[in-house]
N, C-alpha and C. Protein backbone atom coordinates (compact mmCIF):
# COMPACT_ATOMS: atom_id res chain seq x y z
N MET A 1 0.82 -1.18 0.00
CA MET A 1 0.00 0.00 0.00
C MET A 1 0.87 1.25 0.00
N ARG A 2 0.39 2.25 -0.67
CA ARG A 2 1.09 3.55 -0.68
C ARG A 2 0.30 4.49 0.22
N VAL A 3 1.00 5.16 1.11
CA VAL A 3 0.35 6.11 2.02
C VAL A 3 0.81 7.51 1.67
N LEU A 4 -0.15 8.39 1.41
CA LEU A 4 0.14 9.79 1.10
C LEU A 4 -0.37 10.65 2.23
N ARG A 5 0.45 11.58 2.66
CA ARG A 5 0.06 12.48 3.74
C ARG A 5 -0.48 13.78 3.15
N GLY A 6 -1.64 14.17 3.63
CA GLY A 6 -2.23 15.44 3.23
C GLY A 6 -2.42 16.29 4.46
N ARG A 7 -3.17 17.35 4.28
CA ARG A 7 -3.45 18.22 5.43
C ARG A 7 -4.57 17.59 6.23
N ARG A 8 -4.24 17.13 7.41
CA ARG A 8 -5.19 16.46 8.32
C ARG A 8 -5.80 15.20 7.73
N VAL A 9 -5.05 14.51 6.86
CA VAL A 9 -5.58 13.28 6.26
C VAL A 9 -4.41 12.38 5.83
N LEU A 10 -4.63 11.09 5.92
CA LEU A 10 -3.73 10.10 5.33
C LEU A 10 -4.54 9.38 4.27
N ASP A 11 -3.97 9.24 3.10
CA ASP A 11 -4.65 8.55 2.01
C ASP A 11 -3.89 7.27 1.72
N ALA A 12 -4.56 6.15 1.82
CA ALA A 12 -3.94 4.85 1.54
C ALA A 12 -4.45 4.36 0.19
N GLN A 13 -3.51 4.03 -0.69
CA GLN A 13 -3.86 3.56 -2.03
C GLN A 13 -3.37 2.13 -2.23
N LEU A 14 -4.21 1.33 -2.85
CA LEU A 14 -3.82 -0.02 -3.20
C LEU A 14 -2.77 0.04 -4.32
N PRO A 15 -1.91 -0.95 -4.41
CA PRO A 15 -0.92 -0.96 -5.48
C PRO A 15 -1.58 -0.89 -6.86
N GLY A 16 -1.05 -0.02 -7.71
CA GLY A 16 -1.57 0.10 -9.06
C GLY A 16 -2.84 0.92 -9.20
N VAL A 17 -3.32 1.50 -8.12
CA VAL A 17 -4.54 2.30 -8.17
C VAL A 17 -4.20 3.75 -7.84
N ASP A 18 -4.43 4.64 -8.80
CA ASP A 18 -4.23 6.06 -8.53
C ASP A 18 -5.01 6.87 -9.56
N LYS A 19 -5.10 8.16 -9.35
CA LYS A 19 -5.88 9.04 -10.23
C LYS A 19 -5.26 9.15 -11.62
N GLY A 20 -3.96 8.99 -11.73
CA GLY A 20 -3.30 9.02 -13.04
C GLY A 20 -3.78 7.87 -13.91
N ARG A 21 -3.79 6.69 -13.36
CA ARG A 21 -4.28 5.52 -14.11
C ARG A 21 -5.76 5.68 -14.44
N ALA A 22 -6.49 6.26 -13.51
CA ALA A 22 -7.93 6.44 -13.74
C ALA A 22 -8.20 7.40 -14.90
N VAL A 23 -7.49 8.51 -14.97
CA VAL A 23 -7.74 9.46 -16.06
C VAL A 23 -7.26 8.90 -17.39
N ARG A 24 -6.15 8.16 -17.40
CA ARG A 24 -5.70 7.52 -18.65
C ARG A 24 -6.73 6.52 -19.15
N ARG A 25 -7.28 5.74 -18.24
CA ARG A 25 -8.32 4.77 -18.62
C ARG A 25 -9.56 5.50 -19.14
N TRP A 26 -9.98 6.56 -18.47
CA TRP A 26 -11.15 7.32 -18.89
C TRP A 26 -10.94 7.89 -20.30
N LEU A 27 -9.74 8.40 -20.57
CA LEU A 27 -9.45 8.94 -21.89
C LEU A 27 -9.47 7.85 -22.96
N ARG A 28 -8.95 6.66 -22.64
CA ARG A 28 -9.01 5.54 -23.61
C ARG A 28 -10.45 5.15 -23.91
N GLN A 29 -11.30 5.18 -22.89
CA GLN A 29 -12.70 4.80 -23.06
C GLN A 29 -13.53 5.89 -23.73
N ASN A 30 -13.01 7.09 -23.81
CA ASN A 30 -13.71 8.23 -24.40
C ASN A 30 -12.82 8.92 -25.43
N PRO A 31 -12.53 8.24 -26.54
CA PRO A 31 -11.55 8.76 -27.49
C PRO A 31 -11.99 10.05 -28.20
N ARG A 32 -13.25 10.38 -28.17
CA ARG A 32 -13.72 11.59 -28.84
C ARG A 32 -13.54 12.86 -28.00
N ILE A 33 -13.14 12.70 -26.77
CA ILE A 33 -12.90 13.86 -25.90
C ILE A 33 -11.77 14.69 -26.50
N ASP A 34 -12.03 15.97 -26.73
CA ASP A 34 -11.00 16.80 -27.33
C ASP A 34 -10.48 17.90 -26.40
N ALA A 35 -11.05 18.01 -25.21
CA ALA A 35 -10.57 18.99 -24.25
C ALA A 35 -10.83 18.47 -22.83
N VAL A 36 -9.83 18.62 -21.98
CA VAL A 36 -9.95 18.16 -20.59
C VAL A 36 -9.45 19.26 -19.67
N LEU A 37 -10.22 19.56 -18.65
CA LEU A 37 -9.80 20.44 -17.57
C LEU A 37 -9.80 19.58 -16.31
N TYR A 38 -8.66 19.51 -15.65
CA TYR A 38 -8.55 18.71 -14.43
C TYR A 38 -8.02 19.61 -13.33
N ALA A 39 -8.78 19.74 -12.27
CA ALA A 39 -8.36 20.52 -11.10
C ALA A 39 -8.31 19.62 -9.89
N GLY A 40 -7.32 19.82 -9.06
CA GLY A 40 -7.20 19.00 -7.87
C GLY A 40 -6.63 19.77 -6.71
N ASP A 41 -6.96 19.30 -5.51
CA ASP A 41 -6.52 20.01 -4.31
C ASP A 41 -5.84 19.12 -3.28
N ASP A 42 -5.50 17.90 -3.65
CA ASP A 42 -4.79 17.08 -2.67
C ASP A 42 -3.68 16.28 -3.33
N THR A 43 -2.86 15.65 -2.51
CA THR A 43 -1.66 14.97 -3.01
C THR A 43 -1.97 13.85 -4.00
N THR A 44 -3.14 13.26 -3.93
CA THR A 44 -3.48 12.18 -4.87
C THR A 44 -3.68 12.71 -6.29
N ASP A 45 -3.79 14.01 -6.46
CA ASP A 45 -3.95 14.59 -7.78
C ASP A 45 -2.63 14.71 -8.54
N HIS A 46 -1.51 14.59 -7.86
CA HIS A 46 -0.21 14.65 -8.53
C HIS A 46 -0.12 13.61 -9.64
N ASP A 47 -0.62 12.40 -9.37
CA ASP A 47 -0.56 11.34 -10.37
C ASP A 47 -1.35 11.72 -11.63
N ALA A 48 -2.50 12.35 -11.45
CA ALA A 48 -3.30 12.77 -12.59
C ALA A 48 -2.61 13.89 -13.36
N PHE A 49 -2.04 14.85 -12.66
CA PHE A 49 -1.32 15.93 -13.34
C PHE A 49 -0.21 15.35 -14.22
N ARG A 50 0.54 14.41 -13.67
CA ARG A 50 1.63 13.78 -14.40
C ARG A 50 1.10 12.99 -15.61
N ALA A 51 0.05 12.23 -15.39
CA ALA A 51 -0.50 11.39 -16.46
C ALA A 51 -1.08 12.22 -17.60
N LEU A 52 -1.71 13.31 -17.27
CA LEU A 52 -2.34 14.14 -18.30
C LEU A 52 -1.33 14.99 -19.06
N GLY A 53 -0.32 15.47 -18.37
CA GLY A 53 0.70 16.29 -19.02
C GLY A 53 0.08 17.41 -19.83
N SER A 54 0.48 17.51 -21.09
CA SER A 54 -0.02 18.58 -21.94
C SER A 54 -1.36 18.24 -22.61
N ARG A 55 -1.93 17.08 -22.31
CA ARG A 55 -3.21 16.68 -22.90
C ARG A 55 -4.39 17.36 -22.23
N ALA A 56 -4.13 18.12 -21.16
CA ALA A 56 -5.23 18.73 -20.41
C ALA A 56 -4.78 20.06 -19.83
N LEU A 57 -5.76 20.88 -19.51
CA LEU A 57 -5.51 22.08 -18.72
C LEU A 57 -5.60 21.63 -17.27
N THR A 58 -4.48 21.57 -16.59
CA THR A 58 -4.44 21.11 -15.21
C THR A 58 -4.26 22.28 -14.26
N ILE A 59 -5.01 22.23 -13.17
CA ILE A 59 -4.99 23.34 -12.21
C ILE A 59 -4.83 22.78 -10.80
N ALA A 60 -3.79 23.24 -10.12
CA ALA A 60 -3.59 22.90 -8.72
C ALA A 60 -4.36 23.91 -7.88
N VAL A 61 -5.20 23.44 -7.02
CA VAL A 61 -6.00 24.32 -6.17
C VAL A 61 -5.37 24.32 -4.78
N GLY A 62 -4.81 25.45 -4.41
CA GLY A 62 -4.15 25.57 -3.11
C GLY A 62 -2.65 25.64 -3.26
N PRO A 63 -1.96 26.01 -2.21
CA PRO A 63 -0.53 26.28 -2.29
C PRO A 63 0.39 25.06 -2.25
N ARG A 64 -0.10 23.91 -1.85
CA ARG A 64 0.79 22.78 -1.61
C ARG A 64 1.06 21.89 -2.82
N LEU A 65 0.23 21.94 -3.83
CA LEU A 65 0.39 21.04 -4.96
C LEU A 65 1.39 21.57 -5.98
N HIS A 66 1.97 20.65 -6.72
CA HIS A 66 2.85 21.01 -7.83
C HIS A 66 2.54 20.07 -8.99
N GLY A 67 3.07 20.41 -10.15
CA GLY A 67 2.90 19.53 -11.30
C GLY A 67 1.79 19.93 -12.25
N ALA A 68 0.97 20.90 -11.89
CA ALA A 68 -0.10 21.35 -12.77
C ALA A 68 0.38 22.53 -13.62
N LEU A 69 -0.31 22.75 -14.71
CA LEU A 69 0.03 23.87 -15.59
C LEU A 69 -0.26 25.21 -14.91
N LEU A 70 -1.39 25.29 -14.22
CA LEU A 70 -1.82 26.52 -13.56
C LEU A 70 -2.08 26.27 -12.08
N ARG A 71 -2.23 27.36 -11.34
CA ARG A 71 -2.52 27.26 -9.90
C ARG A 71 -3.61 28.25 -9.55
N SER A 72 -4.51 27.82 -8.66
CA SER A 72 -5.51 28.69 -8.08
C SER A 72 -5.21 28.78 -6.59
N ARG A 73 -5.35 29.95 -6.04
CA ARG A 73 -4.98 30.18 -4.64
C ARG A 73 -5.72 29.27 -3.66
N ASP A 74 -7.04 29.10 -3.86
CA ASP A 74 -7.85 28.34 -2.92
C ASP A 74 -9.14 27.89 -3.62
N PRO A 75 -9.93 27.02 -3.00
CA PRO A 75 -11.17 26.54 -3.63
C PRO A 75 -12.15 27.65 -4.00
N ALA A 76 -12.26 28.68 -3.18
CA ALA A 76 -13.20 29.77 -3.48
C ALA A 76 -12.78 30.53 -4.74
N THR A 77 -11.48 30.78 -4.87
CA THR A 77 -10.97 31.46 -6.06
C THR A 77 -11.21 30.61 -7.30
N PHE A 78 -10.96 29.30 -7.18
CA PHE A 78 -11.18 28.41 -8.31
C PHE A 78 -12.66 28.36 -8.69
N ALA A 79 -13.54 28.28 -7.71
CA ALA A 79 -14.98 28.25 -7.98
C ALA A 79 -15.44 29.52 -8.69
N ALA A 80 -14.92 30.67 -8.28
CA ALA A 80 -15.27 31.93 -8.93
C ALA A 80 -14.80 31.94 -10.37
N TRP A 81 -13.57 31.48 -10.61
CA TRP A 81 -13.04 31.41 -11.98
C TRP A 81 -13.87 30.45 -12.83
N LEU A 82 -14.21 29.32 -12.27
CA LEU A 82 -15.02 28.34 -13.01
C LEU A 82 -16.39 28.92 -13.36
N GLY A 83 -16.97 29.69 -12.46
CA GLY A 83 -18.24 30.36 -12.73
C GLY A 83 -18.12 31.35 -13.88
N ARG A 84 -17.03 32.12 -13.89
CA ARG A 84 -16.81 33.07 -14.99
C ARG A 84 -16.59 32.34 -16.31
N LEU A 85 -15.89 31.22 -16.26
CA LEU A 85 -15.67 30.42 -17.46
C LEU A 85 -17.01 29.90 -18.01
N ALA A 86 -17.86 29.41 -17.14
CA ALA A 86 -19.18 28.91 -17.56
C ALA A 86 -20.02 30.04 -18.17
N GLU A 87 -20.00 31.21 -17.55
CA GLU A 87 -20.76 32.35 -18.08
C GLU A 87 -20.23 32.75 -19.46
N ALA A 88 -18.93 32.78 -19.63
CA ALA A 88 -18.33 33.14 -20.93
C ALA A 88 -18.72 32.11 -22.00
N ARG A 89 -18.74 30.86 -21.61
CA ARG A 89 -19.10 29.81 -22.57
C ARG A 89 -20.56 29.93 -22.99
N LEU A 90 -21.43 30.26 -22.05
CA LEU A 90 -22.86 30.43 -22.37
C LEU A 90 -23.09 31.65 -23.25
N ALA A 91 -22.26 32.67 -23.10
CA ALA A 91 -22.42 33.90 -23.87
C ALA A 91 -21.95 33.75 -25.32
N ARG A 92 -21.24 32.68 -25.63
CA ARG A 92 -20.75 32.47 -27.00
C ARG A 92 -21.85 32.23 -27.98
């Protein structure tokens, strides 16, 4: 088992199970997907950031994560940005 330490949490993962493998599998099962936005706020998201690489817009939410293309200061800031993105998309 792999144990990841987060803020006030321990995450235990079974061997071979992580978010990186999950997103790669999801992409294989959905080959028509042409755009992916992945945001994460805990250490288990590092695997997904690595797996997606340049195939997605990756956003680390909070100060502790690394490996994403962009960073949002905190969940509230990310939620506000996501709301503005949705409004802009509807206005198109």
